Amino acid sequence: MTSPLHLLAGLTVTEAVVIHDYFQLVFGDLARLSIYNDISFIFGPMQGLAGIDQFRGKIVTAISDGAESIEFTFLDGAGFKANLRGQACRGPEALELYRPGFPLVVWN
């Protein structure tokens, strides 16, 4: 079964923000991804959550999801990895994917 995250491939980030202590990517009216777990930047010049807004305008080219992490790669080579291990959890959810007209998808 394919992860619903793969539906984000090819989409452009219209907003990338830190809300309280989590990170959110918005893809226009198509989708919103909230990431509550720890993330690490794996490519590009970004440092810490202060650089999240630099994802705005970037196109998602690949999403690799596994049991321990989910990795996003963008057209310009930038990317990040969301840690799914237990010690990275800050709350009951790790990620939430909202798409209008579809059920909310939650990773715990």
C-alpha atoms as a PDB file:
ATOM      1  CA  MET A   1       0.000   0.000   0.000  1.00  0.00           C
ATOM      2  CA  THR A   2       1.342   3.442  -0.925  1.00  0.00           C
ATOM      3  CA  SER A   3       1.589   6.074   1.796  1.00  0.00           C
ATOM      4  CA  PRO A   4      -0.714   9.082   1.355  1.00  0.00           C
ATOM      5  CA  LEU A   5       2.413  11.237   1.718  1.00  0.00           C
ATOM      6  CA  HIS A   6       3.399  10.229  -1.807  1.00  0.00           C
ATOM      7  CA  LEU A   7       0.474  12.331  -3.062  1.00  0.00           C
ATOM      8  CA  LEU A   8       2.564  15.394  -2.108  1.00  0.00           C
ATOM      9  CA  ALA A   9       5.246  14.600  -4.700  1.00  0.00           C
ATOM     10  CA  GLY A  10       5.189  17.220  -7.437  1.00  0.00           C
ATOM     11  CA  LEU A  11       3.410  19.810  -5.287  1.00  0.00           C
ATOM     12  CA  THR A  12       4.818  23.232  -4.420  1.00  0.00           C
ATOM     13  CA  VAL A  13       5.057  24.434  -0.822  1.00  0.00           C
ATOM     14  CA  THR A  14       3.071  27.660  -0.507  1.00  0.00           C
ATOM     15  CA  GLU A  15       3.694  28.140   3.234  1.00  0.00           C
ATOM     16  CA  ALA A  16       6.266  26.700   5.616  1.00  0.00           C
ATOM     17  CA  VAL A  17       5.898  27.806   9.212  1.00  0.00           C
ATOM     18  CA  VAL A  18       6.675  26.952  12.809  1.00  0.00           C
ATOM     19  CA  ILE A  19       3.552  26.921  14.979  1.00  0.00           C
ATOM     20  CA  HIS A  20       4.387  26.746  18.678  1.00  0.00           C
ATOM     21  CA  ASP A  21       6.751  23.758  18.690  1.00  0.00           C
ATOM     22  CA  TYR A  22       5.848  22.035  15.438  1.00  0.00           C
ATOM     23  CA  PHE A  23       6.447  22.561  11.739  1.00  0.00           C
ATOM     24  CA  GLN A  24       3.799  22.844   9.023  1.00  0.00           C
ATOM     25  CA  LEU A  25       3.998  22.688   5.243  1.00  0.00           C
ATOM     26  CA  VAL A  26       1.022  23.981   3.251  1.00  0.00           C
ATOM     27  CA  PHE A  27       0.456  23.071  -0.386  1.00  0.00           C
ATOM     28  CA  GLY A  28      -2.084  25.708  -1.403  1.00  0.00           C
ATOM     29  CA  ASP A  29      -5.646  24.452  -1.048  1.00  0.00           C
ATOM     30  CA  LEU A  30      -4.550  20.862  -1.762  1.00  0.00           C
ATOM     31  CA  ALA A  31      -2.930  19.702   1.481  1.00  0.00           C
ATOM     32  CA  ARG A  32      -1.433  20.635   4.831  1.00  0.00           C
ATOM     33  CA  LEU A  33       1.204  18.534   6.588  1.00  0.00           C
ATOM     34  CA  SER A  34       1.910  19.084  10.286  1.00  0.00           C
ATOM     35  CA  ILE A  35       5.067  17.487  11.692  1.00  0.00           C
ATOM     36  CA  TYR A  36       5.190  17.240  15.482  1.00  0.00           C
ATOM     37  CA  ASN A  37       8.282  15.054  15.877  1.00  0.00           C
ATOM     38  CA  ASP A  38      11.917  16.097  15.680  1.00  0.00           C
ATOM     39  CA  ILE A  39      13.202  16.944  12.222  1.00  0.00           C
ATOM     40  CA  SER A  40      16.692  17.286  10.837  1.00  0.00           C
ATOM     41  CA  PHE A  41      17.799  19.007   7.668  1.00  0.00           C
ATOM     42  CA  ILE A  42      19.668  16.651   5.392  1.00  0.00           C
ATOM     43  CA  PHE A  43      20.527  18.797   2.385  1.00  0.00           C
ATOM     44  CA  GLY A  44      20.954  22.475   1.745  1.00  0.00           C
ATOM     45  CA  PRO A  45      21.952  25.418   3.918  1.00  0.00           C
ATOM     46  CA  MET A  46      19.113  25.427   6.474  1.00  0.00           C
ATOM     47  CA  GLN A  47      19.874  25.505  10.184  1.00  0.00           C
ATOM     48  CA  GLY A  48      17.206  24.787  12.810  1.00  0.00           C
ATOM     49  CA  LEU A  49      13.516  25.596  12.655  1.00  0.00           C
ATOM     50  CA  ALA A  50      14.342  29.238  11.922  1.00  0.00           C
ATOM     51  CA  GLY A  51      15.052  28.162   8.330  1.00  0.00           C
ATOM     52  CA  ILE A  52      11.692  26.492   7.751  1.00  0.00           C
ATOM     53  CA  ASP A  53      10.369  29.418   5.720  1.00  0.00           C
ATOM     54  CA  GLN A  54      13.052  28.680   3.116  1.00  0.00           C
ATOM     55  CA  PHE A  55      10.961  25.689   1.985  1.00  0.00           C
ATOM     56  CA  ARG A  56       8.343  28.114   0.613  1.00  0.00           C
ATOM     57  CA  GLY A  57       8.198  27.839  -3.175  1.00  0.00           C
ATOM     58  CA  LYS A  58      10.058  24.509  -3.278  1.00  0.00           C
ATOM     59  CA  ILE A  59       8.700  21.525  -5.184  1.00  0.00           C
ATOM     60  CA  VAL A  60       8.609  18.114  -3.497  1.00  0.00           C
ATOM     61  CA  THR A  61      10.355  15.584  -5.729  1.00  0.00           C
ATOM     62  CA  ALA A  62      10.624  12.532  -3.484  1.00  0.00           C
ATOM     63  CA  ILE A  63       9.255  11.151  -0.240  1.00  0.00           C
ATOM     64  CA  SER A  64      10.810   8.131   1.400  1.00  0.00           C
ATOM     65  CA  ASP A  65       8.901   6.719   4.317  1.00  0.00           C
ATOM     66  CA  GLY A  66       9.965   3.969   6.637  1.00  0.00           C
ATOM     67  CA  ALA A  67       9.347   2.718  10.140  1.00  0.00           C
ATOM     68  CA  GLU A  68      11.917   5.068  11.706  1.00  0.00           C
ATOM     69  CA  SER A  69      11.783   8.197   9.537  1.00  0.00           C
ATOM     70  CA  ILE A  70      10.157  10.027   6.652  1.00  0.00           C
ATOM     71  CA  GLU A  71      12.442  11.927   4.298  1.00  0.00           C
ATOM     72  CA  PHE A  72      11.377  14.750   1.974  1.00  0.00           C
ATOM     73  CA  THR A  73      13.561  15.857  -0.931  1.00  0.00           C
ATOM     74  CA  PHE A  74      12.935  18.994  -2.977  1.00  0.00           C
ATOM     75  CA  LEU A  75      13.792  19.872  -6.571  1.00  0.00           C
ATOM     76  CA  ASP A  76      16.755  22.057  -5.565  1.00  0.00           C
ATOM     77  CA  GLY A  77      18.314  19.323  -3.413  1.00  0.00           C
ATOM     78  CA  ALA A  78      17.136  20.668  -0.050  1.00  0.00           C
ATOM     79  CA  GLY A  79      15.360  18.272   2.258  1.00  0.00           C
ATOM     80  CA  PHE A  80      14.534  17.166   5.750  1.00  0.00           C
ATOM     81  CA  LYS A  81      13.971  14.000   7.701  1.00  0.00           C
ATOM     82  CA  ALA A  82      11.214  13.553  10.301  1.00  0.00           C
ATOM     83  CA  ASN A  83      12.197  11.132  13.049  1.00  0.00           C
ATOM     84  CA  LEU A  84       9.451   8.579  13.837  1.00  0.00           C
ATOM     85  CA  ARG A  85      11.233   6.795  16.691  1.00  0.00           C
ATOM     86  CA  GLY A  86       9.616   6.877  20.104  1.00  0.00           C
ATOM     87  CA  GLN A  87      12.197   9.215  21.654  1.00  0.00           C
ATOM     88  CA  ALA A  88      11.437  11.848  18.967  1.00  0.00           C
ATOM     89  CA  CYS A  89       7.759  12.084  19.918  1.00  0.00           C
ATOM     90  CA  ARG A  90       6.565  15.266  21.590  1.00  0.00           C
ATOM     91  CA  GLY A  91       2.898  14.330  21.718  1.00  0.00           C
ATOM     92  CA  PRO A  92       0.432  11.637  20.723  1.00  0.00           C
ATOM     93  CA  GLU A  93       0.900  12.258  16.973  1.00  0.00           C
ATOM     94  CA  ALA A  94       4.063  12.300  14.881  1.00  0.00           C
ATOM     95  CA  LEU A  95       2.492  13.769  11.715  1.00  0.00           C
ATOM     96  CA  GLU A  96      -0.923  14.748  10.374  1.00  0.00           C
ATOM     97  CA  LEU A  97      -1.865  15.059   6.723  1.00  0.00           C
ATOM     98  CA  TYR A  98      -4.977  17.082   5.979  1.00  0.00           C
ATOM     99  CA  ARG A  99      -6.495  17.122   2.492  1.00  0.00           C
ATOM    100  CA  PRO A 100      -9.887  18.773   1.962  1.00  0.00           C
ATOM    101  CA  GLY A 101     -12.547  16.182   1.221  1.00  0.00           C
ATOM    102  CA  PHE A 102     -10.474  13.272   2.588  1.00  0.00           C
ATOM    103  CA  PRO A 103     -10.139  11.822   6.088  1.00  0.00           C
ATOM    104  CA  LEU A 104      -7.339  13.203   8.257  1.00  0.00           C
ATOM    105  CA  VAL A 105      -4.322  10.850   8.193  1.00  0.00           C
ATOM    106  CA  VAL A 106      -2.396  10.603  11.479  1.00  0.00           C
ATOM    107  CA  TRP A 107       0.923   8.897  12.175  1.00  0.00           C
ATOM    108  CA  ASN A 108       1.576   7.984  15.823  1.00  0.00           C
END
